[in-house]
Amino acid sequence: MQDWLEDRPDERRRFPRTKCFKGAKIVASGHAVVACIVRNVSAEGARLELPYSAVLPGVFDLCFDSGSRKRQCKVMWRTSRDAGVWFAQQA
């Protein structure tokens, strides 16, 4: 899926997203881990690329491979290989 949302004139996000390619892990219930790629990020959320049609809970922690703090996320939309998440706690 391309980043066509980022170039739309009717974009509704309060904060623009920055394209990136960062490794991260989805941690649910404290132990289930799924590796993913963060494709874009803003102060309020991100778009995640999943390696396969992984089962994704509605709420989870996202831990960036860079070691920065983990973020609690809520899934806002989902396709078979992508998910848009909102950061429940602001940085």
PDB file of N, CA and C in Angstrom:
ATOM      1  N   MET A   1       0.841  -1.182   0.000  1.00  0.00           N
ATOM      2  CA  MET A   1       0.000   0.000   0.000  1.00  0.00           C
ATOM      3  C   MET A   1       0.880   1.238   0.000  1.00  0.00           C
ATOM      4  N   GLN A   2       0.615   2.168  -0.879  1.00  0.00           N
ATOM      5  CA  GLN A   2       1.420   3.368  -0.967  1.00  0.00           C
ATOM      6  C   GLN A   2       0.967   4.396   0.051  1.00  0.00           C
ATOM      7  N   ASP A   3       1.797   5.417   0.261  1.00  0.00           N
ATOM      8  CA  ASP A   3       1.477   6.466   1.219  1.00  0.00           C
ATOM      9  C   ASP A   3       0.616   7.562   0.583  1.00  0.00           C
ATOM     10  N   TRP A   4      -0.418   7.167  -0.134  1.00  0.00           N
ATOM     11  CA  TRP A   4      -1.268   8.129  -0.827  1.00  0.00           C
ATOM     12  C   TRP A   4      -2.015   9.022   0.148  1.00  0.00           C
ATOM     13  N   LEU A   5      -2.257   8.581   1.365  1.00  0.00           N
ATOM     14  CA  LEU A   5      -2.955   9.409   2.342  1.00  0.00           C
ATOM     15  C   LEU A   5      -2.160  10.655   2.709  1.00  0.00           C
ATOM     16  N   GLU A   6      -0.846  10.554   2.674  1.00  0.00           N
ATOM     17  CA  GLU A   6      -0.004  11.662   3.100  1.00  0.00           C
ATOM     18  C   GLU A   6      -0.058  12.839   2.148  1.00  0.00           C
ATOM     19  N   ASP A   7      -0.413  12.619   0.895  1.00  0.00           N
ATOM     20  CA  ASP A   7      -0.414  13.681  -0.094  1.00  0.00           C
ATOM     21  C   ASP A   7      -1.802  14.226  -0.399  1.00  0.00           C
ATOM     22  N   ARG A   8      -2.808  13.757   0.301  1.00  0.00           N
ATOM     23  CA  ARG A   8      -4.170  14.188   0.026  1.00  0.00           C
ATOM     24  C   ARG A   8      -4.427  15.572   0.597  1.00  0.00           C
ATOM     25  N   PRO A   9      -5.092  16.447  -0.164  1.00  0.00           N
ATOM     26  CA  PRO A   9      -5.389  17.791   0.338  1.00  0.00           C
ATOM     27  C   PRO A   9      -6.413  17.790   1.468  1.00  0.00           C
ATOM     28  N   ASP A  10      -7.221  16.738   1.577  1.00  0.00           N
ATOM     29  CA  ASP A  10      -8.225  16.676   2.636  1.00  0.00           C
ATOM     30  C   ASP A  10      -7.736  15.892   3.847  1.00  0.00           C
ATOM     31  N   GLU A  11      -6.431  15.807   4.010  1.00  0.00           N
ATOM     32  CA  GLU A  11      -5.830  15.085   5.134  1.00  0.00           C
ATOM     33  C   GLU A  11      -6.373  15.631   6.448  1.00  0.00           C
ATOM     34  N   ARG A  12      -6.761  14.738   7.359  1.00  0.00           N
ATOM     35  CA  ARG A  12      -7.379  15.152   8.612  1.00  0.00           C
ATOM     36  C   ARG A  12      -6.472  15.000   9.824  1.00  0.00           C
ATOM     37  N   ARG A  13      -5.275  14.533   9.666  1.00  0.00           N
ATOM     38  CA  ARG A  13      -4.383  14.362  10.807  1.00  0.00           C
ATOM     39  C   ARG A  13      -3.943  15.729  11.333  1.00  0.00           C
ATOM     40  N   ARG A  14      -3.815  15.829  12.651  1.00  0.00           N
ATOM     41  CA  ARG A  14      -3.348  17.083  13.253  1.00  0.00           C
ATOM     42  C   ARG A  14      -1.848  17.252  13.098  1.00  0.00           C
ATOM     43  N   PHE A  15      -1.115  16.146  13.045  1.00  0.00           N
ATOM     44  CA  PHE A  15       0.335  16.189  12.922  1.00  0.00           C
ATOM     45  C   PHE A  15       0.746  15.440  11.664  1.00  0.00           C
ATOM     46  N   PRO A  16       1.604  16.019  10.831  1.00  0.00           N
ATOM     47  CA  PRO A  16       2.056  15.300   9.629  1.00  0.00           C
ATOM     48  C   PRO A  16       2.905  14.100  10.001  1.00  0.00           C
ATOM     49  N   ARG A  17       2.830  13.078   9.175  1.00  0.00           N
ATOM     50  CA  ARG A  17       3.641  11.881   9.397  1.00  0.00           C
ATOM     51  C   ARG A  17       4.924  11.975   8.595  1.00  0.00           C
ATOM     52  N   THR A  18       5.973  11.439   9.169  1.00  0.00           N
ATOM     53  CA  THR A  18       7.275  11.405   8.528  1.00  0.00           C
ATOM     54  C   THR A  18       7.536   9.983   8.052  1.00  0.00           C
ATOM     55  N   LYS A  19       7.897   9.844   6.771  1.00  0.00           N
ATOM     56  CA  LYS A  19       8.213   8.518   6.247  1.00  0.00           C
ATOM     57  C   LYS A  19       9.454   7.985   6.938  1.00  0.00           C
ATOM     58  N   CYS A  20       9.453   6.691   7.212  1.00  0.00           N
ATOM     59  CA  CYS A  20      10.613   6.069   7.852  1.00  0.00           C
ATOM     60  C   CYS A  20      10.620   4.581   7.528  1.00  0.00           C
ATOM     61  N   PHE A  21      11.636   3.907   7.987  1.00  0.00           N
ATOM     62  CA  PHE A  21      11.772   2.460   7.821  1.00  0.00           C
ATOM     63  C   PHE A  21      12.478   1.951   9.069  1.00  0.00           C
ATOM     64  N   LYS A  22      11.704   1.847  10.178  1.00  0.00           N
ATOM     65  CA  LYS A  22      12.262   1.474  11.467  1.00  0.00           C
ATOM     66  C   LYS A  22      11.720   0.118  11.900  1.00  0.00           C
ATOM     67  N   GLY A  23      12.593  -0.714  12.400  1.00  0.00           N
ATOM     68  CA  GLY A  23      12.164  -1.987  12.945  1.00  0.00           C
ATOM     69  C   GLY A  23      11.507  -1.792  14.302  1.00  0.00           C
ATOM     70  N   ALA A  24      10.508  -2.614  14.587  1.00  0.00           N
ATOM     71  CA  ALA A  24       9.823  -2.551  15.878  1.00  0.00           C
ATOM     72  C   ALA A  24       9.211  -3.908  16.179  1.00  0.00           C
ATOM     73  N   LYS A  25       8.750  -4.045  17.400  1.00  0.00           N
ATOM     74  CA  LYS A  25       8.085  -5.278  17.816  1.00  0.00           C
ATOM     75  C   LYS A  25       6.759  -4.930  18.478  1.00  0.00           C
ATOM     76  N   ILE A  26       5.734  -5.704  18.147  1.00  0.00           N
ATOM     77  CA  ILE A  26       4.418  -5.569  18.749  1.00  0.00           C
ATOM     78  C   ILE A  26       4.373  -6.536  19.920  1.00  0.00           C
ATOM     79  N   VAL A  27       4.119  -6.016  21.112  1.00  0.00           N
ATOM     80  CA  VAL A  27       4.075  -6.834  22.317  1.00  0.00           C
ATOM     81  C   VAL A  27       2.663  -6.765  22.883  1.00  0.00           C
ATOM     82  N   ALA A  28       2.003  -7.921  22.936  1.00  0.00           N
ATOM     83  CA  ALA A  28       0.632  -7.997  23.447  1.00  0.00           C
ATOM     84  C   ALA A  28       0.599  -8.904  24.667  1.00  0.00           C
ATOM     85  N   SER A  29      -0.158  -8.517  25.637  1.00  0.00           N
ATOM     86  CA  SER A  29      -0.299  -9.302  26.880  1.00  0.00           C
ATOM     87  C   SER A  29       1.046  -9.582  27.528  1.00  0.00           C
ATOM     88  N   GLY A  30       2.014  -8.708  27.298  1.00  0.00           N
ATOM     89  CA  GLY A  30       3.308  -8.837  27.935  1.00  0.00           C
ATOM     90  C   GLY A  30       4.248  -9.869  27.356  1.00  0.00           C
ATOM     91  N   HIS A  31       3.789 -10.695  26.385  1.00  0.00           N
ATOM     92  CA  HIS A  31       4.688 -11.745  25.914  1.00  0.00           C
ATOM     93  C   HIS A  31       4.587 -12.054  24.427  1.00  0.00           C
ATOM     94  N   ALA A  32       3.450 -11.923  23.790  1.00  0.00           N
ATOM     95  CA  ALA A  32       3.333 -12.251  22.364  1.00  0.00           C
ATOM     96  C   ALA A  32       4.058 -11.176  21.554  1.00  0.00           C
ATOM     97  N   VAL A  33       4.980 -11.597  20.695  1.00  0.00           N
ATOM     98  CA  VAL A  33       5.793 -10.643  19.941  1.00  0.00           C
ATOM     99  C   VAL A  33       5.657 -10.888  18.445  1.00  0.00           C
ATOM    100  N   VAL A  34       5.426  -9.801  17.707  1.00  0.00           N
ATOM    101  CA  VAL A  34       5.392  -9.840  16.248  1.00  0.00           C
ATOM    102  C   VAL A  34       6.312  -8.729  15.755  1.00  0.00           C
ATOM    103  N   ALA A  35       7.274  -9.068  14.914  1.00  0.00           N
ATOM    104  CA  ALA A  35       8.152  -8.057  14.333  1.00  0.00           C
ATOM    105  C   ALA A  35       7.389  -7.306  13.245  1.00  0.00           C
ATOM    106  N   CYS A  36       7.670  -6.000  13.123  1.00  0.00           N
ATOM    107  CA  CYS A  36       7.025  -5.188  12.087  1.00  0.00           C
ATOM    108  C   CYS A  36       7.975  -4.080  11.667  1.00  0.00           C
ATOM    109  N   ILE A  37       7.577  -3.348  10.641  1.00  0.00           N
ATOM    110  CA  ILE A  37       8.323  -2.188  10.164  1.00  0.00           C
ATOM    111  C   ILE A  37       7.426  -0.970  10.316  1.00  0.00           C
ATOM    112  N   VAL A  38       7.951   0.086  10.927  1.00  0.00           N
ATOM    113  CA  VAL A  38       7.224   1.352  11.025  1.00  0.00           C
ATOM    114  C   VAL A  38       7.514   2.104   9.738  1.00  0.00           C
ATOM    115  N   ARG A  39       6.474   2.354   8.939  1.00  0.00           N
ATOM    116  CA  ARG A  39       6.634   2.993   7.618  1.00  0.00           C
ATOM    117  C   ARG A  39       6.485   4.504   7.673  1.00  0.00           C
ATOM    118  N   ASN A  40       5.685   5.009   8.621  1.00  0.00           N
ATOM    119  CA  ASN A  40       5.627   6.441   8.871  1.00  0.00           C
ATOM    120  C   ASN A  40       5.189   6.663  10.304  1.00  0.00           C
ATOM    121  N   VAL A  41       5.536   7.840  10.839  1.00  0.00           N
ATOM    122  CA  VAL A  41       5.272   8.104  12.249  1.00  0.00           C
ATOM    123  C   VAL A  41       4.988   9.589  12.454  1.00  0.00           C
ATOM    124  N   SER A  42       4.158   9.891  13.443  1.00  0.00           N
ATOM    125  CA  SER A  42       3.900  11.267  13.856  1.00  0.00           C
ATOM    126  C   SER A  42       3.841  11.292  15.367  1.00  0.00           C
ATOM    127  N   ALA A  43       3.528  12.441  15.924  1.00  0.00           N
ATOM    128  CA  ALA A  43       3.404  12.564  17.378  1.00  0.00           C
ATOM    129  C   ALA A  43       2.231  11.747  17.907  1.00  0.00           C
ATOM    130  N   GLU A  44       1.257  11.465  17.057  1.00  0.00           N
ATOM    131  CA  GLU A  44       0.051  10.777  17.512  1.00  0.00           C
ATOM    132  C   GLU A  44      -0.111   9.341  17.043  1.00  0.00           C
ATOM    133  N   GLY A  45       0.677   8.904  16.063  1.00  0.00           N
ATOM    134  CA  GLY A  45       0.466   7.556  15.571  1.00  0.00           C
ATOM    135  C   GLY A  45       1.474   7.132  14.527  1.00  0.00           C
ATOM    136  N   ALA A  46       1.184   5.980  13.907  1.00  0.00           N
ATOM    137  CA  ALA A  46       2.112   5.419  12.928  1.00  0.00           C
ATOM    138  C   ALA A  46       1.386   4.448  12.008  1.00  0.00           C
ATOM    139  N   ARG A  47       2.049   4.157  10.882  1.00  0.00           N
ATOM    140  CA  ARG A  47       1.586   3.081   9.997  1.00  0.00           C
ATOM    141  C   ARG A  47       2.601   1.961  10.098  1.00  0.00           C
ATOM    142  N   LEU A  48       2.100   0.770  10.407  1.00  0.00           N
ATOM    143  CA  LEU A  48       2.953  -0.400  10.567  1.00  0.00           C
ATOM    144  C   LEU A  48       2.777  -1.346   9.396  1.00  0.00           C
ATOM    145  N   GLU A  49       3.882  -1.910   8.936  1.00  0.00           N
ATOM    146  CA  GLU A  49       3.856  -2.944   7.910  1.00  0.00           C
ATOM    147  C   GLU A  49       4.147  -4.277   8.602  1.00  0.00           C
ATOM    148  N   LEU A  50       3.232  -5.209   8.447  1.00  0.00           N
ATOM    149  CA  LEU A  50       3.365  -6.515   9.093  1.00  0.00           C
ATOM    150  C   LEU A  50       3.947  -7.525   8.111  1.00  0.00           C
ATOM    151  N   PRO A  51       4.730  -8.494   8.592  1.00  0.00           N
ATOM    152  CA  PRO A  51       5.375  -9.447   7.694  1.00  0.00           C
ATOM    153  C   PRO A  51       4.413 -10.468   7.094  1.00  0.00           C
ATOM    154  N   TYR A  52       3.246 -10.626   7.661  1.00  0.00           N
ATOM    155  CA  TYR A  52       2.246 -11.582   7.195  1.00  0.00           C
ATOM    156  C   TYR A  52       0.925 -11.173   7.820  1.00  0.00           C
ATOM    157  N   SER A  53      -0.109 -11.874   7.547  1.00  0.00           N
ATOM    158  CA  SER A  53      -1.422 -11.549   8.105  1.00  0.00           C
ATOM    159  C   SER A  53      -1.488 -11.968   9.576  1.00  0.00           C
ATOM    160  N   ALA A  54      -0.713 -11.302  10.386  1.00  0.00           N
ATOM    161  CA  ALA A  54      -0.633 -11.628  11.810  1.00  0.00           C
ATOM    162  C   ALA A  54      -1.917 -11.230  12.524  1.00  0.00           C
ATOM    163  N   VAL A  55      -2.254 -11.990  13.538  1.00  0.00           N
ATOM    164  CA  VAL A  55      -3.364 -11.620  14.405  1.00  0.00           C
ATOM    165  C   VAL A  55      -2.884 -10.439  15.238  1.00  0.00           C
ATOM    166  N   LEU A  56      -3.640  -9.365  15.203  1.00  0.00           N
ATOM    167  CA  LEU A  56      -3.236  -8.137  15.869  1.00  0.00           C
ATOM    168  C   LEU A  56      -4.322  -7.726  16.850  1.00  0.00           C
ATOM    169  N   PRO A  57      -4.006  -7.645  18.146  1.00  0.00           N
ATOM    170  CA  PRO A  57      -5.015  -7.224  19.114  1.00  0.00           C
ATOM    171  C   PRO A  57      -5.352  -5.749  18.918  1.00  0.00           C
ATOM    172  N   GLY A  58      -6.463  -5.316  19.467  1.00  0.00           N
ATOM    173  CA  GLY A  58      -6.889  -3.919  19.327  1.00  0.00           C
ATOM    174  C   GLY A  58      -5.988  -2.943  20.050  1.00  0.00           C
ATOM    175  N   VAL A  59      -5.343  -3.388  21.127  1.00  0.00           N
ATOM    176  CA  VAL A  59      -4.434  -2.551  21.914  1.00  0.00           C
ATOM    177  C   VAL A  59      -3.170  -3.362  22.184  1.00  0.00           C
ATOM    178  N   PHE A  60      -2.010  -2.734  22.036  1.00  0.00           N
ATOM    179  CA  PHE A  60      -0.735  -3.412  22.276  1.00  0.00           C
ATOM    180  C   PHE A  60       0.352  -2.389  22.518  1.00  0.00           C
ATOM    181  N   ASP A  61       1.513  -2.861  22.928  1.00  0.00           N
ATOM    182  CA  ASP A  61       2.691  -2.003  23.083  1.00  0.00           C
ATOM    183  C   ASP A  61       3.572  -2.150  21.850  1.00  0.00           C
ATOM    184  N   LEU A  62       4.124  -1.043  21.386  1.00  0.00           N
ATOM    185  CA  LEU A  62       5.047  -1.031  20.255  1.00  0.00           C
ATOM    186  C   LEU A  62       6.415  -0.660  20.790  1.00  0.00           C
ATOM    187  N   CYS A  63       7.391  -1.555  20.615  1.00  0.00           N
ATOM    188  CA  CYS A  63       8.759  -1.328  21.086  1.00  0.00           C
ATOM    189  C   CYS A  63       9.666  -1.151  19.877  1.00  0.00           C
ATOM    190  N   PHE A  64      10.229   0.034  19.733  1.00  0.00           N
ATOM    191  CA  PHE A  64      11.131   0.302  18.618  1.00  0.00           C
ATOM    192  C   PHE A  64      12.466  -0.407  18.840  1.00  0.00           C
ATOM    193  N   ASP A  65      13.032  -0.969  17.767  1.00  0.00           N
ATOM    194  CA  ASP A  65      14.308  -1.674  17.854  1.00  0.00           C
ATOM    195  C   ASP A  65      15.442  -0.745  18.283  1.00  0.00           C
ATOM    196  N   SER A  66      15.281   0.562  18.075  1.00  0.00           N
ATOM    197  CA  SER A  66      16.320   1.529  18.441  1.00  0.00           C
ATOM    198  C   SER A  66      16.480   1.666  19.944  1.00  0.00           C
ATOM    199  N   GLY A  67      15.540   1.080  20.704  1.00  0.00           N
ATOM    200  CA  GLY A  67      15.650   1.130  22.155  1.00  0.00           C
ATOM    201  C   GLY A  67      14.896   2.280  22.793  1.00  0.00           C
ATOM    202  N   SER A  68      14.245   3.121  21.983  1.00  0.00           N
ATOM    203  CA  SER A  68      13.463   4.193  22.579  1.00  0.00           C
ATOM    204  C   SER A  68      12.276   3.587  23.322  1.00  0.00           C
ATOM    205  N   ARG A  69      11.657   4.356  24.161  1.00  0.00           N
ATOM    206  CA  ARG A  69      10.616   3.797  25.027  1.00  0.00           C
ATOM    207  C   ARG A  69       9.479   3.176  24.236  1.00  0.00           C
ATOM    208  N   LYS A  70       8.774   2.274  24.871  1.00  0.00           N
ATOM    209  CA  LYS A  70       7.662   1.634  24.187  1.00  0.00           C
ATOM    210  C   LYS A  70       6.453   2.551  24.219  1.00  0.00           C
ATOM    211  N   ARG A  71       5.573   2.372  23.228  1.00  0.00           N
ATOM    212  CA  ARG A  71       4.371   3.193  23.100  1.00  0.00           C
ATOM    213  C   ARG A  71       3.156   2.290  23.134  1.00  0.00           C
ATOM    214  N   GLN A  72       2.161   2.657  23.921  1.00  0.00           N
ATOM    215  CA  GLN A  72       0.900   1.917  23.920  1.00  0.00           C
ATOM    216  C   GLN A  72       0.114   2.372  22.696  1.00  0.00           C
ATOM    217  N   CYS A  73      -0.391   1.411  21.912  1.00  0.00           N
ATOM    218  CA  CYS A  73      -1.066   1.713  20.653  1.00  0.00           C
ATOM    219  C   CYS A  73      -2.483   1.150  20.623  1.00  0.00           C
ATOM    220  N   LYS A  74      -3.320   1.831  19.867  1.00  0.00           N
ATOM    221  CA  LYS A  74      -4.671   1.359  19.578  1.00  0.00           C
ATOM    222  C   LYS A  74      -4.804   1.291  18.059  1.00  0.00           C
ATOM    223  N   VAL A  75      -5.288   0.175  17.542  1.00  0.00           N
ATOM    224  CA  VAL A  75      -5.450   0.011  16.097  1.00  0.00           C
ATOM    225  C   VAL A  75      -6.635   0.866  15.631  1.00  0.00           C
ATOM    226  N   MET A  76      -6.382   1.712  14.619  1.00  0.00           N
ATOM    227  CA  MET A  76      -7.425   2.579  14.075  1.00  0.00           C
ATOM    228  C   MET A  76      -7.956   2.046  12.740  1.00  0.00           C
ATOM    229  N   TRP A  77      -7.091   1.384  11.961  1.00  0.00           N
ATOM    230  CA  TRP A  77      -7.498   0.731  10.716  1.00  0.00           C
ATOM    231  C   TRP A  77      -6.547  -0.418  10.455  1.00  0.00           C
ATOM    232  N   ARG A  78      -6.983  -1.313   9.562  1.00  0.00           N
ATOM    233  CA  ARG A  78      -6.183  -2.514   9.314  1.00  0.00           C
ATOM    234  C   ARG A  78      -6.447  -3.051   7.923  1.00  0.00           C
ATOM    235  N   THR A  79      -5.403  -3.484   7.233  1.00  0.00           N
ATOM    236  CA  THR A  79      -5.520  -4.270   6.011  1.00  0.00           C
ATOM    237  C   THR A  79      -4.797  -5.590   6.299  1.00  0.00           C
ATOM    238  N   SER A  80      -4.637  -6.432   5.300  1.00  0.00           N
ATOM    239  CA  SER A  80      -3.985  -7.722   5.547  1.00  0.00           C
ATOM    240  C   SER A  80      -2.518  -7.576   5.960  1.00  0.00           C
ATOM    241  N   ARG A  81      -1.826  -6.527   5.479  1.00  0.00           N
ATOM    242  CA  ARG A  81      -0.390  -6.386   5.776  1.00  0.00           C
ATOM    243  C   ARG A  81      -0.012  -5.055   6.419  1.00  0.00           C
ATOM    244  N   ASP A  82      -0.974  -4.173   6.657  1.00  0.00           N
ATOM    245  CA  ASP A  82      -0.689  -2.857   7.231  1.00  0.00           C
ATOM    246  C   ASP A  82      -1.679  -2.543   8.344  1.00  0.00           C
ATOM    247  N   ALA A  83      -1.269  -1.652   9.228  1.00  0.00           N
ATOM    248  CA  ALA A  83      -2.162  -1.186  10.282  1.00  0.00           C
ATOM    249  C   ALA A  83      -1.807   0.256  10.621  1.00  0.00           C
ATOM    250  N   GLY A  84      -2.830   1.045  10.850  1.00  0.00           N
ATOM    251  CA  GLY A  84      -2.650   2.408  11.328  1.00  0.00           C
ATOM    252  C   GLY A  84      -2.947   2.416  12.811  1.00  0.00           C
ATOM    253  N   VAL A  85      -2.019   2.960  13.599  1.00  0.00           N
ATOM    254  CA  VAL A  85      -2.207   2.957  15.049  1.00  0.00           C
ATOM    255  C   VAL A  85      -2.146   4.374  15.604  1.00  0.00           C
ATOM    256  N   TRP A  86      -2.853   4.559  16.696  1.00  0.00           N
ATOM    257  CA  TRP A  86      -2.856   5.800  17.449  1.00  0.00           C
ATOM    258  C   TRP A  86      -2.088   5.551  18.739  1.00  0.00           C
ATOM    259  N   PHE A  87      -1.204   6.461  19.100  1.00  0.00           N
ATOM    260  CA  PHE A  87      -0.461   6.330  20.344  1.00  0.00           C
ATOM    261  C   PHE A  87      -1.345   6.788  21.496  1.00  0.00           C
ATOM    262  N   ALA A  88      -1.672   5.868  22.396  1.00  0.00           N
ATOM    263  CA  ALA A  88      -2.561   6.173  23.515  1.00  0.00           C
ATOM    264  C   ALA A  88      -1.888   7.128  24.510  1.00  0.00           C
ATOM    265  N   GLN A  89      -0.567   7.058  24.621  1.00  0.00           N
ATOM    266  CA  GLN A  89       0.175   7.945  25.510  1.00  0.00           C
ATOM    267  C   GLN A  89       1.092   8.807  24.651  1.00  0.00           C
ATOM    268  N   GLN A  90       1.011  10.099  24.824  1.00  0.00           N
ATOM    269  CA  GLN A  90       1.835  10.999  24.037  1.00  0.00           C
ATOM    270  C   GLN A  90       3.274  10.966  24.540  1.00  0.00           C
ATOM    271  N   ALA A  91       4.215  11.154  23.631  1.00  0.00           N
ATOM    272  CA  ALA A  91       5.646  11.109  23.979  1.00  0.00           C
ATOM    273  C   ALA A  91       6.043  12.287  24.839  1.00  0.00           C
TER     274      ALA A  91
END
